Amino acid sequence: MMSREYLKRMYGSPAAFSECKPGDVIRYLEKGLEKSGTILWVCAPRDLGNRYIGITYIVTPQDSGQPVVVSPADVLMSE
């Protein structure tokens, strides 16, 4: 497991409140396909240039090792 400090440096500050939390297994949509994975980090809302980005989940998919960014709107179910 990666350290909390490393994850904060990589993905930014953690969200203070979230429906899902690190370690939760979720089902989500990615490019129209249903996938599942484990939440690694919950990113706090932030500004990126002139865009506002809400809470996002960094998820390790069960079918590959590369983490992906998942919006809460794309989460189908938390197990």
PDB file of N, CA and C in Angstrom:
ATOM      1  N   MET A   1       0.843  -1.186   0.000  1.00  0.00           N
ATOM      2  CA  MET A   1       0.000   0.000   0.000  1.00  0.00           C
ATOM      3  C   MET A   1       0.885   1.244   0.000  1.00  0.00           C
ATOM      4  N   MET A   2       0.483   2.236  -0.745  1.00  0.00           N
ATOM      5  CA  MET A   2       1.242   3.472  -0.826  1.00  0.00           C
ATOM      6  C   MET A   2       0.989   4.311   0.418  1.00  0.00           C
ATOM      7  N   SER A   3       1.987   5.099   0.804  1.00  0.00           N
ATOM      8  CA  SER A   3       1.836   5.929   2.001  1.00  0.00           C
ATOM      9  C   SER A   3       0.877   7.088   1.737  1.00  0.00           C
ATOM     10  N   ARG A   4       0.273   7.555   2.799  1.00  0.00           N
ATOM     11  CA  ARG A   4      -0.650   8.690   2.727  1.00  0.00           C
ATOM     12  C   ARG A   4       0.060   9.934   2.174  1.00  0.00           C
ATOM     13  N   GLU A   5       1.311  10.148   2.556  1.00  0.00           N
ATOM     14  CA  GLU A   5       2.076  11.305   2.086  1.00  0.00           C
ATOM     15  C   GLU A   5       2.312  11.228   0.572  1.00  0.00           C
ATOM     16  N   TYR A   6       2.655  10.022   0.098  1.00  0.00           N
ATOM     17  CA  TYR A   6       2.868   9.834  -1.337  1.00  0.00           C
ATOM     18  C   TYR A   6       1.578  10.113  -2.116  1.00  0.00           C
ATOM     19  N   LEU A   7       0.464   9.560  -1.640  1.00  0.00           N
ATOM     20  CA  LEU A   7      -0.814   9.759  -2.327  1.00  0.00           C
ATOM     21  C   LEU A   7      -1.206  11.239  -2.343  1.00  0.00           C
ATOM     22  N   LYS A   8      -0.956  11.947  -1.251  1.00  0.00           N
ATOM     23  CA  LYS A   8      -1.275  13.375  -1.192  1.00  0.00           C
ATOM     24  C   LYS A   8      -0.428  14.154  -2.198  1.00  0.00           C
ATOM     25  N   ARG A   9       0.863  13.809  -2.302  1.00  0.00           N
ATOM     26  CA  ARG A   9       1.737  14.473  -3.284  1.00  0.00           C
ATOM     27  C   ARG A   9       1.288  14.178  -4.710  1.00  0.00           C
ATOM     28  N   MET A  10       0.898  12.928  -4.973  1.00  0.00           N
ATOM     29  CA  MET A  10       0.492  12.512  -6.326  1.00  0.00           C
ATOM     30  C   MET A  10      -0.852  13.083  -6.750  1.00  0.00           C
ATOM     31  N   TYR A  11      -1.837  13.020  -5.837  1.00  0.00           N
ATOM     32  CA  TYR A  11      -3.227  13.301  -6.217  1.00  0.00           C
ATOM     33  C   TYR A  11      -3.853  14.504  -5.530  1.00  0.00           C
ATOM     34  N   GLY A  12      -3.149  15.140  -4.626  1.00  0.00           N
ATOM     35  CA  GLY A  12      -3.684  16.325  -3.956  1.00  0.00           C
ATOM     36  C   GLY A  12      -4.298  15.974  -2.613  1.00  0.00           C
ATOM     37  N   SER A  13      -4.864  16.987  -2.002  1.00  0.00           N
ATOM     38  CA  SER A  13      -5.435  16.844  -0.661  1.00  0.00           C
ATOM     39  C   SER A  13      -6.587  15.850  -0.637  1.00  0.00           C
ATOM     40  N   PRO A  14      -6.735  15.141   0.478  1.00  0.00           N
ATOM     41  CA  PRO A  14      -7.862  14.213   0.605  1.00  0.00           C
ATOM     42  C   PRO A  14      -9.158  14.969   0.889  1.00  0.00           C
ATOM     43  N   ALA A  15     -10.262  14.399   0.457  1.00  0.00           N
ATOM     44  CA  ALA A  15     -11.570  15.000   0.738  1.00  0.00           C
ATOM     45  C   ALA A  15     -11.924  14.780   2.210  1.00  0.00           C
ATOM     46  N   ALA A  16     -12.493  15.809   2.837  1.00  0.00           N
ATOM     47  CA  ALA A  16     -12.886  15.702   4.240  1.00  0.00           C
ATOM     48  C   ALA A  16     -14.113  14.799   4.390  1.00  0.00           C
ATOM     49  N   PHE A  17     -15.021  14.856   3.428  1.00  0.00           N
ATOM     50  CA  PHE A  17     -16.238  14.052   3.453  1.00  0.00           C
ATOM     51  C   PHE A  17     -16.461  13.446   2.077  1.00  0.00           C
ATOM     52  N   SER A  18     -16.937  12.210   2.057  1.00  0.00           N
ATOM     53  CA  SER A  18     -17.205  11.532   0.798  1.00  0.00           C
ATOM     54  C   SER A  18     -18.127  10.351   1.049  1.00  0.00           C
ATOM     55  N   GLU A  19     -18.931  10.023   0.056  1.00  0.00           N
ATOM     56  CA  GLU A  19     -19.814   8.863   0.164  1.00  0.00           C
ATOM     57  C   GLU A  19     -19.008   7.568   0.242  1.00  0.00           C
ATOM     58  N   CYS A  20     -17.911   7.506  -0.506  1.00  0.00           N
ATOM     59  CA  CYS A  20     -17.029   6.334  -0.496  1.00  0.00           C
ATOM     60  C   CYS A  20     -15.698   6.737   0.106  1.00  0.00           C
ATOM     61  N   LYS A  21     -14.954   5.738   0.575  1.00  0.00           N
ATOM     62  CA  LYS A  21     -13.655   6.037   1.185  1.00  0.00           C
ATOM     63  C   LYS A  21     -12.602   5.049   0.685  1.00  0.00           C
ATOM     64  N   PRO A  22     -11.318   5.383   0.898  1.00  0.00           N
ATOM     65  CA  PRO A  22     -10.261   4.472   0.458  1.00  0.00           C
ATOM     66  C   PRO A  22     -10.476   3.065   1.030  1.00  0.00           C
ATOM     67  N   GLY A  23     -10.253   2.077   0.164  1.00  0.00           N
ATOM     68  CA  GLY A  23     -10.458   0.681   0.554  1.00  0.00           C
ATOM     69  C   GLY A  23     -11.794   0.130   0.109  1.00  0.00           C
ATOM     70  N   ASP A  24     -12.759   1.023  -0.191  1.00  0.00           N
ATOM     71  CA  ASP A  24     -14.068   0.563  -0.678  1.00  0.00           C
ATOM     72  C   ASP A  24     -13.924  -0.039  -2.072  1.00  0.00           C
ATOM     73  N   VAL A  25     -14.631  -1.125  -2.314  1.00  0.00           N
ATOM     74  CA  VAL A  25     -14.692  -1.724  -3.644  1.00  0.00           C
ATOM     75  C   VAL A  25     -15.947  -1.171  -4.315  1.00  0.00           C
ATOM     76  N   ILE A  26     -15.773  -0.633  -5.534  1.00  0.00           N
ATOM     77  CA  ILE A  26     -16.905  -0.035  -6.247  1.00  0.00           C
ATOM     78  C   ILE A  26     -17.041  -0.634  -7.641  1.00  0.00           C
ATOM     79  N   ARG A  27     -18.264  -0.517  -8.177  1.00  0.00           N
ATOM     80  CA  ARG A  27     -18.528  -0.776  -9.594  1.00  0.00           C
ATOM     81  C   ARG A  27     -18.778   0.584 -10.213  1.00  0.00           C
ATOM     82  N   TYR A  28     -18.200   0.805 -11.400  1.00  0.00           N
ATOM     83  CA  TYR A  28     -18.298   2.120 -12.031  1.00  0.00           C
ATOM     84  C   TYR A  28     -18.311   1.975 -13.550  1.00  0.00           C
ATOM     85  N   LEU A  29     -18.684   3.056 -14.224  1.00  0.00           N
ATOM     86  CA  LEU A  29     -18.673   3.073 -15.687  1.00  0.00           C
ATOM     87  C   LEU A  29     -17.422   3.779 -16.179  1.00  0.00           C
ATOM     88  N   GLU A  30     -16.778   3.160 -17.168  1.00  0.00           N
ATOM     89  CA  GLU A  30     -15.635   3.770 -17.836  1.00  0.00           C
ATOM     90  C   GLU A  30     -15.825   3.560 -19.331  1.00  0.00           C
ATOM     91  N   LYS A  31     -16.031   4.649 -20.058  1.00  0.00           N
ATOM     92  CA  LYS A  31     -16.279   4.599 -21.502  1.00  0.00           C
ATOM     93  C   LYS A  31     -17.445   3.669 -21.828  1.00  0.00           C
ATOM     94  N   GLY A  32     -18.485   3.718 -20.996  1.00  0.00           N
ATOM     95  CA  GLY A  32     -19.692   2.928 -21.230  1.00  0.00           C
ATOM     96  C   GLY A  32     -19.622   1.487 -20.767  1.00  0.00           C
ATOM     97  N   LEU A  33     -18.466   1.046 -20.280  1.00  0.00           N
ATOM     98  CA  LEU A  33     -18.319  -0.330 -19.812  1.00  0.00           C
ATOM     99  C   LEU A  33     -18.314  -0.371 -18.287  1.00  0.00           C
ATOM    100  N   GLU A  34     -18.979  -1.384 -17.735  1.00  0.00           N
ATOM    101  CA  GLU A  34     -19.002  -1.544 -16.286  1.00  0.00           C
ATOM    102  C   GLU A  34     -17.710  -2.209 -15.822  1.00  0.00           C
ATOM    103  N   LYS A  35     -17.075  -1.591 -14.834  1.00  0.00           N
ATOM    104  CA  LYS A  35     -15.824  -2.112 -14.286  1.00  0.00           C
ATOM    105  C   LYS A  35     -15.933  -2.123 -12.769  1.00  0.00           C
ATOM    106  N   SER A  36     -14.966  -2.748 -12.114  1.00  0.00           N
ATOM    107  CA  SER A  36     -14.924  -2.696 -10.658  1.00  0.00           C
ATOM    108  C   SER A  36     -13.478  -2.482 -10.227  1.00  0.00           C
ATOM    109  N   GLY A  37     -13.326  -1.915  -9.030  1.00  0.00           N
ATOM    110  CA  GLY A  37     -11.996  -1.649  -8.515  1.00  0.00           C
ATOM    111  C   GLY A  37     -12.066  -1.179  -7.075  1.00  0.00           C
ATOM    112  N   THR A  38     -10.903  -0.922  -6.527  1.00  0.00           N
ATOM    113  CA  THR A  38     -10.783  -0.489  -5.143  1.00  0.00           C
ATOM    114  C   THR A  38     -10.341   0.963  -5.097  1.00  0.00           C
ATOM    115  N   ILE A  39     -11.021   1.763  -4.286  1.00  0.00           N
ATOM    116  CA  ILE A  39     -10.658   3.175  -4.149  1.00  0.00           C
ATOM    117  C   ILE A  39      -9.341   3.271  -3.396  1.00  0.00           C
ATOM    118  N   LEU A  40      -8.397   3.962  -4.015  1.00  0.00           N
ATOM    119  CA  LEU A  40      -7.080   4.171  -3.448  1.00  0.00           C
ATOM    120  C   LEU A  40      -7.022   5.500  -2.700  1.00  0.00           C
ATOM    121  N   TRP A  41      -7.683   6.535  -3.255  1.00  0.00           N
ATOM    122  CA  TRP A  41      -7.620   7.893  -2.711  1.00  0.00           C
ATOM    123  C   TRP A  41      -8.876   8.651  -3.096  1.00  0.00           C
ATOM    124  N   VAL A  42      -9.346   9.512  -2.225  1.00  0.00           N
ATOM    125  CA  VAL A  42     -10.488  10.381  -2.525  1.00  0.00           C
ATOM    126  C   VAL A  42      -9.959  11.809  -2.558  1.00  0.00           C
ATOM    127  N   CYS A  43      -9.954  12.413  -3.741  1.00  0.00           N
ATOM    128  CA  CYS A  43      -9.410  13.760  -3.933  1.00  0.00           C
ATOM    129  C   CYS A  43     -10.430  14.818  -3.535  1.00  0.00           C
ATOM    130  N   ALA A  44      -9.959  15.824  -2.804  1.00  0.00           N
ATOM    131  CA  ALA A  44     -10.803  16.952  -2.423  1.00  0.00           C
ATOM    132  C   ALA A  44     -11.153  17.771  -3.660  1.00  0.00           C
ATOM    133  N   PRO A  45     -12.286  18.489  -3.627  1.00  0.00           N
ATOM    134  CA  PRO A  45     -12.608  19.397  -4.735  1.00  0.00           C
ATOM    135  C   PRO A  45     -11.487  20.425  -4.895  1.00  0.00           C
ATOM    136  N   ARG A  46     -11.270  20.873  -6.143  1.00  0.00           N
ATOM    137  CA  ARG A  46     -10.177  21.805  -6.390  1.00  0.00           C
ATOM    138  C   ARG A  46     -10.411  22.589  -7.675  1.00  0.00           C
ATOM    139  N   ASP A  47      -9.646  23.657  -7.821  1.00  0.00           N
ATOM    140  CA  ASP A  47      -9.635  24.432  -9.060  1.00  0.00           C
ATOM    141  C   ASP A  47      -8.461  23.973  -9.900  1.00  0.00           C
ATOM    142  N   LEU A  48      -8.684  23.839 -11.182  1.00  0.00           N
ATOM    143  CA  LEU A  48      -7.615  23.498 -12.117  1.00  0.00           C
ATOM    144  C   LEU A  48      -7.679  24.544 -13.223  1.00  0.00           C
ATOM    145  N   GLY A  49      -6.798  25.546 -13.117  1.00  0.00           N
ATOM    146  CA  GLY A  49      -6.890  26.676 -14.033  1.00  0.00           C
ATOM    147  C   GLY A  49      -8.187  27.424 -13.751  1.00  0.00           C
ATOM    148  N   ASN A  50      -9.023  27.564 -14.766  1.00  0.00           N
ATOM    149  CA  ASN A  50     -10.306  28.242 -14.563  1.00  0.00           C
ATOM    150  C   ASN A  50     -11.470  27.247 -14.452  1.00  0.00           C
ATOM    151  N   ARG A  51     -11.151  25.964 -14.215  1.00  0.00           N
ATOM    152  CA  ARG A  51     -12.183  24.929 -14.071  1.00  0.00           C
ATOM    153  C   ARG A  51     -12.266  24.461 -12.624  1.00  0.00           C
ATOM    154  N   TYR A  52     -13.463  24.189 -12.170  1.00  0.00           N
ATOM    155  CA  TYR A  52     -13.678  23.606 -10.843  1.00  0.00           C
ATOM    156  C   TYR A  52     -13.873  22.110 -11.016  1.00  0.00           C
ATOM    157  N   ILE A  53     -13.144  21.326 -10.245  1.00  0.00           N
ATOM    158  CA  ILE A  53     -13.279  19.870 -10.291  1.00  0.00           C
ATOM    159  C   ILE A  53     -13.751  19.411  -8.922  1.00  0.00           C
ATOM    160  N   GLY A  54     -14.866  18.729  -8.892  1.00  0.00           N
ATOM    161  CA  GLY A  54     -15.410  18.229  -7.628  1.00  0.00           C
ATOM    162  C   GLY A  54     -14.622  17.038  -7.123  1.00  0.00           C
ATOM    163  N   ILE A  55     -15.162  16.376  -6.133  1.00  0.00           N
ATOM    164  CA  ILE A  55     -14.531  15.180  -5.584  1.00  0.00           C
ATOM    165  C   ILE A  55     -14.325  14.153  -6.694  1.00  0.00           C
ATOM    166  N   THR A  56     -13.175  13.513  -6.698  1.00  0.00           N
ATOM    167  CA  THR A  56     -12.908  12.407  -7.620  1.00  0.00           C
ATOM    168  C   THR A  56     -12.269  11.269  -6.838  1.00  0.00           C
ATOM    169  N   TYR A  57     -12.454  10.067  -7.347  1.00  0.00           N
ATOM    170  CA  TYR A  57     -11.877   8.880  -6.735  1.00  0.00           C
ATOM    171  C   TYR A  57     -10.729   8.383  -7.604  1.00  0.00           C
ATOM    172  N   ILE A  58      -9.621   8.034  -6.970  1.00  0.00           N
ATOM    173  CA  ILE A  58      -8.528   7.366  -7.665  1.00  0.00           C
ATOM    174  C   ILE A  58      -8.747   5.880  -7.385  1.00  0.00           C
ATOM    175  N   VAL A  59      -8.960   5.110  -8.434  1.00  0.00           N
ATOM    176  CA  VAL A  59      -9.372   3.711  -8.307  1.00  0.00           C
ATOM    177  C   VAL A  59      -8.364   2.798  -8.989  1.00  0.00           C
ATOM    178  N   THR A  60      -8.019   1.714  -8.299  1.00  0.00           N
ATOM    179  CA  THR A  60      -7.201   0.667  -8.900  1.00  0.00           C
ATOM    180  C   THR A  60      -8.156  -0.383  -9.465  1.00  0.00           C
ATOM    181  N   PRO A  61      -8.264  -0.463 -10.806  1.00  0.00           N
ATOM    182  CA  PRO A  61      -9.179  -1.434 -11.403  1.00  0.00           C
ATOM    183  C   PRO A  61      -8.764  -2.867 -11.093  1.00  0.00           C
ATOM    184  N   GLN A  62      -9.734  -3.760 -11.026  1.00  0.00           N
ATOM    185  CA  GLN A  62      -9.427  -5.156 -10.760  1.00  0.00           C
ATOM    186  C   GLN A  62      -8.793  -5.839 -11.964  1.00  0.00           C
ATOM    187  N   ASP A  63      -8.997  -5.292 -13.172  1.00  0.00           N
ATOM    188  CA  ASP A  63      -8.459  -5.943 -14.366  1.00  0.00           C
ATOM    189  C   ASP A  63      -7.120  -5.380 -14.843  1.00  0.00           C
ATOM    190  N   SER A  64      -6.597  -4.335 -14.191  1.00  0.00           N
ATOM    191  CA  SER A  64      -5.289  -3.796 -14.563  1.00  0.00           C
ATOM    192  C   SER A  64      -4.694  -3.044 -13.380  1.00  0.00           C
ATOM    193  N   GLY A  65      -3.409  -2.775 -13.441  1.00  0.00           N
ATOM    194  CA  GLY A  65      -2.741  -2.151 -12.315  1.00  0.00           C
ATOM    195  C   GLY A  65      -2.684  -0.635 -12.341  1.00  0.00           C
ATOM    196  N   GLN A  66      -3.029   0.002 -13.450  1.00  0.00           N
ATOM    197  CA  GLN A  66      -2.913   1.441 -13.590  1.00  0.00           C
ATOM    198  C   GLN A  66      -4.126   2.152 -12.972  1.00  0.00           C
ATOM    199  N   PRO A  67      -3.932   3.025 -11.957  1.00  0.00           N
ATOM    200  CA  PRO A  67      -5.061   3.732 -11.351  1.00  0.00           C
ATOM    201  C   PRO A  67      -5.783   4.630 -12.359  1.00  0.00           C
ATOM    202  N   VAL A  68      -7.087   4.766 -12.174  1.00  0.00           N
ATOM    203  CA  VAL A  68      -7.913   5.623 -13.029  1.00  0.00           C
ATOM    204  C   VAL A  68      -8.670   6.608 -12.151  1.00  0.00           C
ATOM    205  N   VAL A  69      -9.064   7.729 -12.739  1.00  0.00           N
ATOM    206  CA  VAL A  69      -9.858   8.743 -12.043  1.00  0.00           C
ATOM    207  C   VAL A  69     -11.326   8.464 -12.330  1.00  0.00           C
ATOM    208  N   VAL A  70     -12.138   8.374 -11.269  1.00  0.00           N
ATOM    209  CA  VAL A  70     -13.563   8.077 -11.411  1.00  0.00           C
ATOM    210  C   VAL A  70     -14.366   9.178 -10.727  1.00  0.00           C
ATOM    211  N   SER A  71     -15.336   9.702 -11.430  1.00  0.00           N
ATOM    212  CA  SER A  71     -16.254  10.693 -10.859  1.00  0.00           C
ATOM    213  C   SER A  71     -17.319   9.974 -10.041  1.00  0.00           C
ATOM    214  N   PRO A  72     -17.769  10.571  -8.939  1.00  0.00           N
ATOM    215  CA  PRO A  72     -18.850   9.955  -8.173  1.00  0.00           C
ATOM    216  C   PRO A  72     -20.098   9.690  -9.030  1.00  0.00           C
ATOM    217  N   ALA A  73     -20.309  10.489 -10.066  1.00  0.00           N
ATOM    218  CA  ALA A  73     -21.465  10.292 -10.951  1.00  0.00           C
ATOM    219  C   ALA A  73     -21.372   8.980 -11.726  1.00  0.00           C
ATOM    220  N   ASP A  74     -20.171   8.431 -11.887  1.00  0.00           N
ATOM    221  CA  ASP A  74     -19.967   7.199 -12.634  1.00  0.00           C
ATOM    222  C   ASP A  74     -19.987   5.947 -11.749  1.00  0.00           C
ATOM    223  N   VAL A  75     -20.124   6.135 -10.432  1.00  0.00           N
ATOM    224  CA  VAL A  75     -20.160   5.007  -9.512  1.00  0.00           C
ATOM    225  C   VAL A  75     -21.551   4.388  -9.546  1.00  0.00           C
ATOM    226  N   LEU A  76     -21.599   3.079  -9.801  1.00  0.00           N
ATOM    227  CA  LEU A  76     -22.874   2.368  -9.845  1.00  0.00           C
ATOM    228  C   LEU A  76     -23.232   1.797  -8.480  1.00  0.00           C
ATOM    229  N   MET A  77     -22.205   1.318  -7.763  1.00  0.00           N
ATOM    230  CA  MET A  77     -22.478   0.659  -6.488  1.00  0.00           C
ATOM    231  C   MET A  77     -21.201   0.569  -5.671  1.00  0.00           C
ATOM    232  N   SER A  78     -21.345   0.764  -4.371  1.00  0.00           N
ATOM    233  CA  SER A  78     -20.241   0.581  -3.443  1.00  0.00           C
ATOM    234  C   SER A  78     -20.494  -0.683  -2.657  1.00  0.00           C
ATOM    235  N   GLU A  79     -19.505  -1.571  -2.594  1.00  0.00           N
ATOM    236  CA  GLU A  79     -19.692  -2.847  -1.895  1.00  0.00           C
ATOM    237  C   GLU A  79     -19.146  -2.787  -0.488  1.00  0.00           C
TER     238      GLU A  79
END
